[in-house]
Amino acid sequence: MPLTRRQFLKLTSLSALAMAFRPLDRPLPPEDQPSSEIGLGRVIAPRVTIRSEPSSKAKPVRYRYEDQIVNLRSVLESDGLPEHNRWWYEVAGGYVHSGWIQTVRYGFQNPLTEFPGQGFIAEVSVPFTDSRAAANPHSARGYRFYFGTTHWVTAIRFDEWGGAWYRVWDDKWKTRSYVLGRHLRPIPEAELAPISPDVVDKRIEVDTENQWATAYESGRIVFMARVATGDWIQAKGVWKDFTTPTGTHAIERKTPSRHMAAGDLAAGDGYDLPGVPWVSYFTTSGVAFHGTYWHNDFGRPRSHGCVNMPTEAAKWIYRWTLPHAPASERYVWETGTRVIVV
């Protein structure tokens, strides 16, 4: 039976979406997916528009709002704008641009009941969870932690109903808060095992014009990821230069989790992002590769200087680059893999 245009777009776009970040020389997932739904998405923006067709010019039919969870039925490539990201998700009632949808899932955990004796890194395994001032669901809310963010656990406490809570440390404000243990997945040491540890000749090239990061081993491409590098950002009528610094650098420190906050949120040049995962710094001023949960719009400059990456891609870079960073270490300081930004 011949494919319809819509079926053809679905098949080819799923394959191309997998190309956005993947280790080369490794098998890709199947091109086709179940026809009903491909997963869940969290709305990232304050409001997103559901349109009648996968096009920015199509008729608006409804809206969805920040932190709402939607079923993703398929992914399609539009032949229109924006050119850097033509991927759209089919959802109930229409289509939504992928740039403002974070793919998520519900991965409830069996929490630890005994503290292992030292702190450990854990990632949020549900679409989001609210931190609390105490190990009690009725205590004051703190930051909302999002799917894929990582946090340093320093203790385990129990509420009066026997529920386990993980005490997490905020490395920016030097404070503690509590998160339901069933919402955090401890990262095992094996999951951060170094990739190609015996290869010495490694380098990463960041192409700011085309928005790609490419990893090389002895001159051979082993990994590519679509990225979002730094840009000029306007605040109160003044443009500020946050472009990613070009030139030759080197990975100089790593941390599995960082609360990144700076600037003025009201002015538009600030940000406050707890739990940024898999951070590999390559300048002393704090420019880094890291995972990104506040947008899904890779392919154009839009950051405050860092190289935004899909979280799994940032985790691959974290494991592949030197120096090696064990799961038990909050920070590793050592000059490592060369980074060239052009």
Protein backbone atom coordinates (compact mmCIF):
# COMPACT_ATOMS: atom_id res chain seq x y z
CA MET A 1 0.00 0.00 0.00
CA PRO A 2 1.42 3.45 -0.86
CA LEU A 3 2.16 5.77 2.06
CA THR A 4 0.21 8.98 2.47
CA ARG A 5 2.24 12.19 2.79
CA ARG A 6 1.47 12.29 6.50
CA GLN A 7 2.62 8.71 7.05
CA PHE A 8 5.78 9.37 5.07
CA LEU A 9 6.57 12.48 7.13
CA LYS A 10 6.02 10.55 10.36
CA LEU A 11 8.41 7.77 9.36
CA THR A 12 11.17 10.04 8.06
CA SER A 13 10.89 12.63 10.84
CA LEU A 14 11.28 10.04 13.59
CA SER A 15 14.51 8.90 11.97
CA ALA A 16 15.76 12.46 11.59
CA LEU A 17 14.82 13.36 15.16
CA ALA A 18 16.98 10.49 16.36
CA MET A 19 19.85 12.07 14.42
CA ALA A 20 19.63 15.23 16.56
CA PHE A 21 21.97 13.53 19.01
CA ARG A 22 23.36 10.04 18.77
CA PRO A 23 26.60 8.17 19.15
CA LEU A 24 27.67 7.34 15.61
CA ASP A 25 28.59 3.69 14.90
CA ARG A 26 25.86 2.63 17.29
CA PRO A 27 22.41 1.25 16.37
CA LEU A 28 19.52 3.67 16.10
CA PRO A 29 16.07 2.95 17.55
CA PRO A 30 13.42 1.64 15.13
CA GLU A 31 12.21 4.26 12.71
CA ASP A 32 8.55 3.50 13.35
CA GLN A 33 6.75 3.88 16.66
CA PRO A 34 3.33 2.71 17.87
CA SER A 35 0.73 4.66 15.96
CA SER A 36 -1.26 5.68 19.05
CA GLU A 37 1.21 7.63 21.19
CA ILE A 38 4.97 8.02 21.48
CA GLY A 39 5.15 9.36 25.00
CA LEU A 40 4.40 12.31 27.24
CA GLY A 41 5.40 15.95 27.06
CA ARG A 42 5.55 18.74 29.62
CA VAL A 43 4.67 22.26 28.47
CA ILE A 44 7.73 24.44 29.13
CA ALA A 45 6.52 27.90 28.13
CA PRO A 46 3.89 29.91 30.08
CA ARG A 47 1.52 29.19 27.17
CA VAL A 48 1.84 27.22 23.93
CA THR A 49 -0.48 27.22 20.95
CA ILE A 50 -2.05 24.07 19.57
CA ARG A 51 -2.53 24.56 15.82
CA SER A 52 -4.69 22.85 13.23
CA GLU A 53 -1.63 21.80 11.18
CA PRO A 54 2.11 21.43 11.93
CA SER A 55 2.86 24.98 10.83
CA SER A 56 3.42 28.28 12.61
CA LYS A 57 0.96 29.83 10.15
CA ALA A 58 -1.84 27.34 10.84
CA LYS A 59 -4.99 28.29 12.72
CA PRO A 60 -4.77 28.26 16.55
CA VAL A 61 -7.31 25.84 17.97
CA ARG A 62 -6.46 25.77 21.70
CA TYR A 63 -3.78 26.50 24.26
CA ARG A 64 -1.84 24.57 26.85
CA TYR A 65 -0.09 26.07 29.84
CA GLU A 66 3.16 25.67 31.75
CA ASP A 67 3.69 22.27 33.40
CA GLN A 68 0.61 20.70 31.84
CA ILE A 69 1.32 17.14 30.64
CA VAL A 70 0.18 16.17 27.14
CA ASN A 71 0.16 12.90 25.21
CA LEU A 72 2.46 12.96 22.20
CA ARG A 73 0.86 10.94 19.42
CA SER A 74 3.47 11.39 16.69
CA VAL A 75 6.27 13.67 15.58
CA LEU A 76 6.21 15.42 12.23
CA GLU A 77 8.54 17.60 10.21
CA SER A 78 7.00 20.78 8.85
CA ASP A 79 8.15 22.31 5.57
CA GLY A 80 7.81 25.80 7.02
CA LEU A 81 9.29 27.98 9.73
CA PRO A 82 11.26 28.06 11.93
CA GLU A 83 14.00 26.66 9.72
CA HIS A 84 16.28 25.61 12.59
CA ASN A 85 13.61 23.43 14.21
CA ARG A 86 10.79 22.11 12.05
CA TRP A 87 9.67 19.39 14.42
CA TRP A 88 6.08 19.33 15.63
CA TYR A 89 4.23 16.97 17.94
CA GLU A 90 0.74 15.73 17.22
CA VAL A 91 -1.37 16.10 20.36
CA ALA A 92 -5.07 15.97 21.16
CA GLY A 93 -6.81 18.52 18.94
CA GLY A 94 -3.86 19.49 16.75
CA TYR A 95 -0.13 20.12 16.67
CA VAL A 96 2.37 21.88 18.94
CA HIS A 97 5.90 23.00 18.14
CA SER A 98 8.52 20.82 19.80
CA GLY A 99 10.63 23.72 21.04
CA TRP A 100 8.40 24.25 24.07
CA ILE A 101 7.72 20.63 24.98
CA GLN A 102 9.99 18.56 27.23
CA THR A 103 9.55 14.83 26.71
CA VAL A 104 8.97 13.21 30.10
CA ARG A 105 7.72 10.05 31.75
CA TYR A 106 6.50 8.78 35.12
CA GLY A 107 9.21 6.62 36.64
CA PHE A 108 8.20 6.14 40.26
CA GLN A 109 10.98 4.67 42.41
CA ASN A 110 11.30 2.38 45.39
CA PRO A 111 13.20 4.81 47.64
CA LEU A 112 16.16 3.83 49.75
CA THR A 113 15.32 3.27 53.39
CA GLU A 114 18.88 3.54 54.70
CA PHE A 115 21.40 6.23 53.87
CA PRO A 116 24.42 4.62 52.16
CA GLY A 117 26.90 6.52 54.29
CA GLN A 118 27.84 9.20 51.79
CA GLY A 119 26.01 11.62 49.53
CA PHE A 120 24.83 10.47 46.13
CA ILE A 121 23.54 12.02 42.93
CA ALA A 122 19.93 11.37 41.89
CA GLU A 123 17.76 12.51 39.00
CA VAL A 124 14.09 13.47 38.94
CA SER A 125 12.21 10.57 37.30
CA VAL A 126 8.72 12.14 37.09
CA PRO A 127 7.61 15.20 35.07
CA PHE A 128 8.21 17.45 38.09
CA THR A 129 8.24 17.41 41.87
CA ASP A 130 8.09 20.20 44.44
CA SER A 131 10.81 20.44 47.06
CA ARG A 132 9.73 21.12 50.65
CA ALA A 133 11.26 22.87 53.63
CA ALA A 134 10.86 19.71 55.74
CA ALA A 135 10.19 16.01 55.21
CA ASN A 136 6.47 16.59 55.23
CA PRO A 137 4.03 17.06 52.33
CA HIS A 138 2.41 19.97 54.17
CA SER A 139 5.58 21.99 54.75
CA ALA A 140 6.45 25.09 52.73
CA ARG A 141 7.16 24.57 49.05
CA GLY A 142 10.56 25.37 47.63
CA TYR A 143 11.85 25.05 44.09
CA ARG A 144 10.04 22.87 41.57
CA PHE A 145 12.45 20.24 40.24
CA TYR A 146 11.91 19.01 36.69
CA PHE A 147 12.36 15.71 34.89
CA GLY A 148 16.00 14.88 34.25
CA THR A 149 17.40 17.43 36.68
CA THR A 150 20.02 16.11 39.07
CA HIS A 151 20.40 16.76 42.79
CA TRP A 152 22.86 15.85 45.51
CA VAL A 153 21.23 13.75 48.26
CA THR A 154 22.76 14.12 51.73
CA ALA A 155 20.30 12.28 54.00
CA ILE A 156 17.08 10.27 54.16
CA ARG A 157 14.20 11.24 56.44
CA PHE A 158 10.72 9.80 57.02
CA ASP A 159 7.41 11.56 57.55
CA GLU A 160 4.78 10.49 60.07
CA TRP A 161 3.14 8.21 57.48
CA GLY A 162 6.41 6.37 56.79
CA GLY A 163 7.11 8.09 53.47
CA ALA A 164 10.80 8.41 52.58
CA TRP A 165 12.16 11.85 51.71
CA TYR A 166 15.60 12.67 50.32
CA ARG A 167 17.35 15.72 51.73
CA VAL A 168 19.01 17.58 48.86
CA TRP A 169 21.74 20.18 48.97
CA ASP A 170 21.50 23.42 46.97
CA ASP A 171 25.04 24.30 45.89
CA LYS A 172 24.10 27.86 44.93
CA TRP A 173 22.30 29.08 48.05
CA LYS A 174 23.86 26.55 50.47
CA THR A 175 20.46 25.41 51.70
CA ARG A 176 18.69 22.11 52.20
CA SER A 177 15.28 20.94 51.08
CA TYR A 178 13.39 17.67 50.87
CA VAL A 179 11.99 15.71 47.92
CA LEU A 180 9.85 12.57 47.93
CA GLY A 181 12.15 9.61 47.52
CA ARG A 182 9.84 7.96 45.01
CA HIS A 183 10.44 10.89 42.66
CA LEU A 184 14.25 10.66 42.56
CA ARG A 185 16.34 7.91 40.97
CA PRO A 186 19.82 7.40 42.42
CA ILE A 187 22.44 7.25 39.66
CA PRO A 188 24.55 4.08 39.99
CA GLU A 189 28.29 4.33 39.55
CA ALA A 190 28.21 2.05 36.50
CA GLU A 191 25.90 4.45 34.67
CA LEU A 192 28.65 7.07 34.64
CA ALA A 193 31.40 4.71 33.52
CA PRO A 194 33.80 6.54 31.19
CA ILE A 195 33.32 6.12 27.45
CA SER A 196 36.48 5.25 25.46
CA PRO A 197 38.68 5.69 28.55
CA ASP A 198 41.80 4.41 26.76
CA VAL A 199 41.59 6.96 23.94
CA VAL A 200 43.85 9.93 24.59
CA ASP A 201 43.32 11.87 21.35
CA LYS A 202 39.88 13.36 21.94
CA ARG A 203 38.48 16.75 21.02
CA ILE A 204 35.12 18.49 20.71
CA GLU A 205 34.34 21.09 18.06
CA VAL A 206 31.43 23.48 18.55
CA ASP A 207 30.12 25.03 15.33
CA THR A 208 28.27 28.16 16.43
CA GLU A 209 27.08 28.96 12.91
CA ASN A 210 25.35 25.63 12.34
CA GLN A 211 24.78 24.82 16.04
CA TRP A 212 26.42 21.41 16.24
CA ALA A 213 28.83 19.87 18.72
CA THR A 214 30.99 17.10 17.27
CA ALA A 215 33.22 14.71 19.21
CA TYR A 216 36.33 13.19 17.63
CA GLU A 217 38.53 10.27 18.59
CA SER A 218 41.87 10.30 16.74
CA GLY A 219 40.28 12.40 14.02
CA ARG A 220 37.20 10.18 13.64
CA ILE A 221 33.70 11.46 14.40
CA VAL A 222 32.09 9.42 17.18
CA PHE A 223 29.25 11.67 18.33
CA MET A 224 27.22 14.67 17.17
CA ALA A 225 24.56 16.70 18.95
CA ARG A 226 22.43 19.68 18.01
CA VAL A 227 23.05 22.51 20.48
CA ALA A 228 22.05 26.05 21.43
CA THR A 229 25.04 28.31 22.07
CA GLY A 230 25.24 31.82 23.55
CA ASP A 231 23.56 34.84 22.02
CA TRP A 232 23.08 38.59 22.40
CA ILE A 233 20.28 39.14 24.93
CA GLN A 234 18.29 42.32 25.40
CA ALA A 235 17.44 43.60 28.89
CA LYS A 236 15.73 46.92 29.54
CA GLY A 237 16.51 48.09 26.03
CA VAL A 238 20.21 47.24 26.24
CA TRP A 239 21.79 44.40 24.28
CA LYS A 240 24.33 42.30 26.15
CA ASP A 241 26.86 39.95 24.61
CA PHE A 242 26.43 36.40 25.94
CA THR A 243 27.89 34.65 22.90
CA THR A 244 29.95 31.52 23.52
CA PRO A 245 33.65 32.49 23.45
CA THR A 246 35.43 31.21 20.36
CA GLY A 247 38.92 29.75 20.35
CA THR A 248 40.63 26.71 21.84
CA HIS A 249 39.70 25.70 25.37
CA ALA A 250 39.78 22.54 27.49
CA ILE A 251 37.44 20.81 29.91
CA GLU A 252 38.68 22.11 33.25
CA ARG A 253 36.12 20.94 35.79
CA LYS A 254 32.94 18.87 36.01
CA THR A 255 29.96 18.50 38.29
CA PRO A 256 26.91 16.24 37.92
CA SER A 257 24.57 18.98 39.17
CA ARG A 258 24.66 22.76 39.37
CA HIS A 259 22.15 25.38 40.45
CA MET A 260 22.75 28.07 37.83
CA ALA A 261 21.42 31.50 38.74
CA ALA A 262 22.53 34.99 37.75
CA GLY A 263 21.31 38.30 36.39
CA ASP A 264 17.97 40.01 36.86
CA LEU A 265 14.90 37.90 36.17
CA ALA A 266 12.69 40.98 35.99
CA ALA A 267 14.97 42.66 33.45
CA GLY A 268 15.03 39.64 31.19
CA ASP A 269 18.75 38.89 31.35
CA GLY A 270 18.58 36.61 34.41
CA TYR A 271 17.96 32.95 35.06
CA ASP A 272 17.41 30.69 38.07
CA LEU A 273 17.79 27.01 37.18
CA PRO A 274 18.25 24.43 39.95
CA GLY A 275 19.59 20.99 39.19
CA VAL A 276 21.21 21.64 35.80
CA PRO A 277 22.56 18.19 34.91
CA TRP A 278 25.92 16.91 33.63
CA VAL A 279 27.96 20.11 33.58
CA SER A 280 31.37 20.07 31.86
CA TYR A 281 33.04 23.48 32.16
CA PHE A 282 35.57 24.54 29.56
CA THR A 283 36.33 28.15 30.59
CA THR A 284 37.28 29.62 33.95
CA SER A 285 34.41 32.11 33.55
CA GLY A 286 31.87 29.27 33.80
CA VAL A 287 30.98 28.40 30.19
CA ALA A 288 30.02 24.73 29.97
CA PHE A 289 28.28 21.92 28.15
CA HIS A 290 25.20 20.91 30.13
CA GLY A 291 21.79 19.32 29.91
CA THR A 292 18.76 21.54 29.29
CA TYR A 293 15.21 21.19 30.61
CA TRP A 294 13.84 24.73 30.10
CA HIS A 295 13.64 24.51 26.31
CA ASN A 296 13.78 21.93 23.53
CA ASP A 297 14.72 24.38 20.79
CA PHE A 298 18.18 23.37 19.67
CA GLY A 299 19.65 24.65 16.43
CA ARG A 300 19.85 28.38 17.15
CA PRO A 301 21.81 30.55 19.63
CA ARG A 302 19.75 31.29 22.73
CA SER A 303 21.83 30.71 25.87
CA HIS A 304 23.73 32.96 28.30
CA GLY A 305 27.02 31.65 26.94
CA CYS A 306 26.93 27.95 27.70
CA VAL A 307 26.39 25.16 25.19
CA ASN A 308 22.85 23.93 25.85
CA MET A 309 22.37 20.27 24.92
CA PRO A 310 19.67 17.61 25.21
CA THR A 311 20.21 16.05 28.63
CA GLU A 312 21.25 12.62 27.34
CA ALA A 313 23.74 14.24 24.98
CA ALA A 314 25.25 16.27 27.84
CA LYS A 315 25.51 13.08 29.88
CA TRP A 316 27.41 11.40 27.02
CA ILE A 317 29.84 14.33 26.86
CA TYR A 318 30.22 14.19 30.65
CA ARG A 319 31.19 10.51 30.49
CA TRP A 320 33.35 10.73 27.37
CA THR A 321 35.49 13.77 28.10
CA LEU A 322 38.48 13.86 30.39
CA PRO A 323 38.83 14.15 33.32
CA HIS A 324 36.70 11.23 34.41
CA ALA A 325 34.09 12.20 37.01
CA PRO A 326 32.87 9.36 39.29
CA ALA A 327 29.28 9.45 40.50
CA SER A 328 30.52 9.90 44.08
CA GLU A 329 32.30 13.19 43.33
CA ARG A 330 30.53 16.55 43.47
CA TYR A 331 33.36 18.31 41.61
CA VAL A 332 36.36 17.14 39.63
CA TRP A 333 39.05 19.72 38.82
CA GLU A 334 41.61 18.80 36.17
CA THR A 335 42.52 19.99 32.68
CA GLY A 336 41.21 17.53 30.14
CA THR A 337 39.70 17.20 26.68
CA ARG A 338 40.31 19.97 24.15
CA VAL A 339 37.32 22.08 23.08
CA ILE A 340 37.41 24.19 19.91
CA VAL A 341 34.66 26.78 19.42
CA VAL A 342 34.34 28.36 15.97
